[in-house]
Protein backbone atom coordinates (compact mmCIF):
# COMPACT_ATOMS: atom_id res chain seq x y z
CA MET A 1 0.00 0.00 0.00
CA ASN A 2 1.45 3.38 -0.94
CA ASP A 3 2.13 6.11 1.60
CA THR A 4 -0.83 8.26 0.54
CA LEU A 5 -3.32 5.45 1.14
CA LYS A 6 -1.65 4.71 4.47
CA GLN A 7 -2.22 8.34 5.46
CA ILE A 8 -5.85 8.08 4.42
CA GLY A 9 -6.14 5.01 6.59
CA ALA A 10 -4.67 6.93 9.51
CA THR A 11 -7.28 9.65 9.02
CA GLY A 12 -10.08 7.08 9.06
CA ILE A 13 -12.80 9.22 7.51
CA VAL A 14 -12.48 10.96 4.15
CA PRO A 15 -14.87 13.91 3.73
CA VAL A 16 -16.45 13.67 0.27
CA VAL A 17 -16.92 17.22 -0.94
CA VAL A 18 -18.97 18.81 -3.73
CA LEU A 19 -17.92 22.41 -4.33
CA ASN A 20 -19.92 24.67 -6.60
CA LYS A 21 -17.64 27.66 -6.00
CA ALA A 22 -13.86 27.59 -5.81
CA ASP A 23 -14.01 30.45 -3.30
CA ASP A 24 -15.40 27.96 -0.79
CA ALA A 25 -12.37 25.68 -1.08
CA GLU A 26 -10.02 27.42 1.35
CA PRO A 27 -12.49 28.04 4.20
CA LEU A 28 -13.70 24.47 3.84
CA ALA A 29 -10.15 23.12 4.01
CA GLN A 30 -9.50 25.28 7.07
CA ALA A 31 -12.57 23.82 8.77
CA LEU A 32 -11.48 20.26 8.00
CA VAL A 33 -7.95 20.83 9.26
CA ALA A 34 -9.20 22.55 12.42
CA GLY A 35 -11.71 19.74 12.92
CA GLY A 36 -9.03 17.07 12.81
CA LEU A 37 -9.65 15.50 9.39
CA PRO A 38 -6.98 16.96 7.08
CA CYS A 39 -8.23 15.02 4.08
CA ALA A 40 -10.81 15.58 1.35
CA GLU A 41 -12.10 13.91 -1.77
CA VAL A 42 -13.22 16.78 -4.01
CA THR A 43 -15.60 15.32 -6.55
CA PHE A 44 -15.27 16.18 -10.23
CA ARG A 45 -19.02 16.72 -10.48
CA THR A 46 -18.76 20.50 -10.78
CA ASP A 47 -16.85 23.00 -12.87
CA ALA A 48 -15.24 24.33 -9.69
CA ALA A 49 -13.55 21.04 -8.75
CA GLU A 50 -10.23 21.52 -10.52
CA GLU A 51 -9.66 25.05 -9.23
CA SER A 52 -10.83 24.04 -5.75
CA ILE A 53 -8.22 21.27 -5.60
CA ARG A 54 -5.57 23.69 -6.83
CA ARG A 55 -6.36 26.21 -4.09
CA ILE A 56 -6.47 23.62 -1.33
CA ALA A 57 -3.21 22.00 -2.45
CA LYS A 58 -1.44 25.35 -2.55
CA LYS A 59 -2.75 26.84 0.70
CA PHE A 60 -2.95 23.63 2.76
CA PRO A 61 -0.04 21.38 1.74
CA GLN A 62 -0.58 19.31 4.89
CA MET A 63 -3.95 18.16 3.56
CA PHE A 64 -4.41 14.94 1.64
CA VAL A 65 -6.64 16.31 -1.07
CA GLY A 66 -7.78 13.98 -3.81
CA ALA A 67 -10.19 13.96 -6.71
CA GLY A 68 -13.37 11.91 -6.70
CA THR A 69 -15.86 10.93 -9.39
CA VAL A 70 -12.98 10.73 -11.86
CA LEU A 71 -14.35 9.12 -15.01
CA SER A 72 -11.67 9.68 -17.64
CA ILE A 73 -7.94 9.94 -18.25
CA GLU A 74 -8.41 13.60 -19.11
CA GLN A 75 -9.89 14.21 -15.66
CA VAL A 76 -7.00 12.34 -14.06
CA ASP A 77 -4.53 14.69 -15.73
CA ARG A 78 -6.51 17.77 -14.71
CA ALA A 79 -6.86 16.59 -11.12
CA VAL A 80 -3.21 15.65 -10.65
CA GLY A 81 -2.13 18.83 -12.44
CA ALA A 82 -4.13 20.79 -9.88
CA GLY A 83 -2.45 19.00 -7.00
CA ALA A 84 -4.63 15.97 -6.25
CA LYS A 85 -2.70 13.33 -4.31
CA PHE A 86 -5.06 10.46 -5.06
CA ILE A 87 -7.77 9.50 -7.54
CA VAL A 88 -11.13 7.95 -6.66
CA SER A 89 -13.79 6.74 -9.09
CA PRO A 90 -17.31 5.38 -8.56
CA GLY A 91 -16.61 2.36 -10.76
CA LEU A 92 -13.68 0.42 -12.16
CA ASN A 93 -12.67 1.83 -15.52
CA PRO A 94 -9.71 -0.30 -16.65
CA LYS A 95 -8.28 2.49 -18.82
CA VAL A 96 -8.31 4.98 -15.94
CA VAL A 97 -6.82 2.48 -13.47
CA GLU A 98 -4.10 1.38 -15.89
CA TYR A 99 -3.20 4.99 -16.67
CA CYS A 100 -2.94 5.91 -12.97
CA ILE A 101 -0.75 2.90 -12.24
CA LYS A 102 1.50 3.69 -15.19
CA LYS A 103 1.90 7.28 -13.97
CA GLY A 104 2.34 6.27 -10.33
CA TYR A 105 -0.83 7.99 -9.14
CA PRO A 106 -2.61 6.41 -6.15
CA VAL A 107 -6.01 5.23 -7.41
CA CYS A 108 -9.00 3.77 -5.61
CA PRO A 109 -11.65 2.55 -8.07
CA GLY A 110 -15.17 1.64 -7.03
CA ILE A 111 -16.29 -1.98 -6.97
CA MET A 112 -19.46 -3.78 -5.89
CA THR A 113 -18.91 -7.43 -6.85
CA PRO A 114 -16.26 -10.16 -6.48
CA THR A 115 -15.66 -10.03 -10.23
CA GLU A 116 -14.78 -6.34 -10.08
CA LEU A 117 -12.64 -7.00 -7.02
CA GLU A 118 -10.66 -9.60 -8.97
CA VAL A 119 -10.11 -7.11 -11.78
CA ALA A 120 -8.70 -4.71 -9.19
CA LEU A 121 -6.43 -7.47 -7.86
CA GLY A 122 -5.26 -8.09 -11.40
CA PHE A 123 -4.02 -4.51 -11.49
CA GLY A 124 -2.13 -5.09 -8.27
CA LEU A 125 -4.39 -2.88 -6.16
CA ASP A 126 -4.84 -3.58 -2.45
CA VAL A 127 -7.47 -0.90 -1.70
CA VAL A 128 -10.80 -0.41 -3.46
CA LYS A 129 -13.79 1.81 -2.93
CA PHE A 130 -17.01 -0.06 -2.12
CA PHE A 131 -19.84 1.95 -3.66
CA PRO A 132 -22.69 2.56 -3.07
CA ALA A 133 -21.93 0.99 0.29
CA GLU A 134 -25.23 0.87 2.14
CA ASN A 135 -27.31 0.17 -0.97
CA ALA A 136 -24.95 -2.63 -1.97
CA GLY A 137 -25.23 -4.53 1.29
CA GLY A 138 -23.07 -2.46 3.61
CA LEU A 139 -20.66 -3.97 6.08
CA LYS A 140 -22.21 -7.44 5.86
CA MET A 141 -21.50 -7.52 2.14
CA ILE A 142 -17.93 -6.33 2.63
CA LYS A 143 -17.24 -9.00 5.25
CA ALA A 144 -18.75 -11.74 3.09
CA MET A 145 -16.98 -10.64 -0.08
CA SER A 146 -13.62 -10.07 1.59
CA ALA A 147 -13.42 -13.57 3.06
CA PRO A 148 -11.73 -15.10 -0.04
CA TYR A 149 -9.68 -11.95 -0.65
CA THR A 150 -7.83 -11.43 2.60
CA MET A 151 -5.32 -9.02 1.09
CA MET A 152 -7.87 -6.38 0.04
CA LYS A 153 -8.88 -3.32 2.06
CA PHE A 154 -12.01 -1.28 1.41
CA MET A 155 -13.01 2.38 1.46
CA PRO A 156 -16.82 2.21 1.64
CA THR A 157 -18.73 5.29 0.50
CA GLY A 158 -22.43 5.94 0.11
CA GLY A 159 -24.97 6.08 2.91
CA ILE A 160 -22.36 6.23 5.67
CA ASN A 161 -23.12 8.65 8.47
CA ALA A 162 -22.31 9.49 12.08
CA THR A 163 -24.53 6.65 13.29
CA ASN A 164 -23.22 3.69 11.29
CA VAL A 165 -19.60 4.74 10.72
CA ARG A 166 -18.50 3.19 14.02
CA ASP A 167 -19.39 -0.29 12.82
CA TYR A 168 -17.43 0.20 9.61
CA LEU A 169 -14.35 1.60 11.34
CA ALA A 170 -14.29 -1.29 13.79
CA CYS A 171 -13.86 -3.77 10.93
CA ASP A 172 -10.26 -4.66 10.07
CA LYS A 173 -11.14 -4.81 6.37
CA ILE A 174 -11.90 -1.09 6.28
CA LEU A 175 -9.07 1.30 5.43
CA ALA A 176 -11.24 4.40 5.80
CA CYS A 177 -14.81 5.51 5.19
CA GLY A 178 -15.92 8.15 2.72
CA GLY A 179 -18.70 10.38 3.98
CA SER A 180 -20.36 13.72 3.36
CA TRP A 181 -22.43 14.26 6.50
CA MET A 182 -19.91 16.77 7.89
CA VAL A 183 -19.61 18.66 4.59
CA LYS A 184 -23.21 18.86 3.42
CA GLY A 185 -23.89 21.05 0.43
CA ASP A 186 -26.32 23.31 2.24
CA LEU A 187 -23.72 24.09 4.92
CA ILE A 188 -21.06 24.88 2.31
CA ASN A 189 -23.41 27.01 0.22
CA ALA A 190 -24.49 28.93 3.33
CA GLY A 191 -20.88 29.52 4.33
CA ASN A 192 -21.48 27.79 7.66
CA PHE A 193 -17.92 26.56 8.07
CA LYS A 194 -18.11 26.72 11.87
CA GLU A 195 -20.76 24.00 11.80
CA ILE A 196 -18.63 22.00 9.37
CA GLU A 197 -15.70 22.29 11.76
CA LYS A 198 -17.91 21.12 14.65
CA LEU A 199 -19.22 18.12 12.71
CA THR A 200 -15.68 17.32 11.59
CA GLN A 201 -14.47 17.38 15.18
CA GLU A 202 -17.23 14.94 16.10
CA ALA A 203 -16.26 12.66 13.21
CA SER A 204 -12.60 12.81 14.19
CA ALA A 205 -13.54 11.91 17.75
CA ILE A 206 -15.34 8.81 16.47
CA VAL A 207 -12.17 7.67 14.69
CA LYS A 208 -10.15 8.10 17.88
CA GLU A 209 -12.85 6.33 19.90
CA ILE A 210 -12.85 3.28 17.63
CA ARG A 211 -9.24 3.11 16.49
CA GLY A 212 -7.41 4.87 19.29
């Protein structure tokens, strides 16, 4: 496992962020750092994503900022060019995974079945995203699917919140959990970064409670 993914594992929870305005990037990053989760997956769902990553990477070099919802090689190049330290995708696109591996970029593709997991193993990956986690069977599905694949770690995302994240974090198959409950769009759009910091502190406390 590369150093970036190890750092993500140490963080425990990866805030999954949708930014509509790049001007929100720095105050959001400040709230996450102050709250104890210096990590973010900025999704490439908006036009502001690339510039947001660039601003966070420049102003907060201590943050592990990555790009999520990466669907193409072109987006990989844009994200890494902006300063993204890791790439996350909702599914397993062989071309994107192969390109990231060739370039040495940490990549965590989404999987939902044993077949997709074996494709990831074929690429030499030891961490995959499990998405959409709760809809796809949640922790029970991860435990069942991981039994034959003892070397694989998971980063479940989708439907994870402050209530169920404890169960996920307590499982030794989980590297980290992706979640958006502390960085909800309405809080970001309202500029309520104090509330984001508070929710982030609570999330960070859960990690420490479960993992020490």
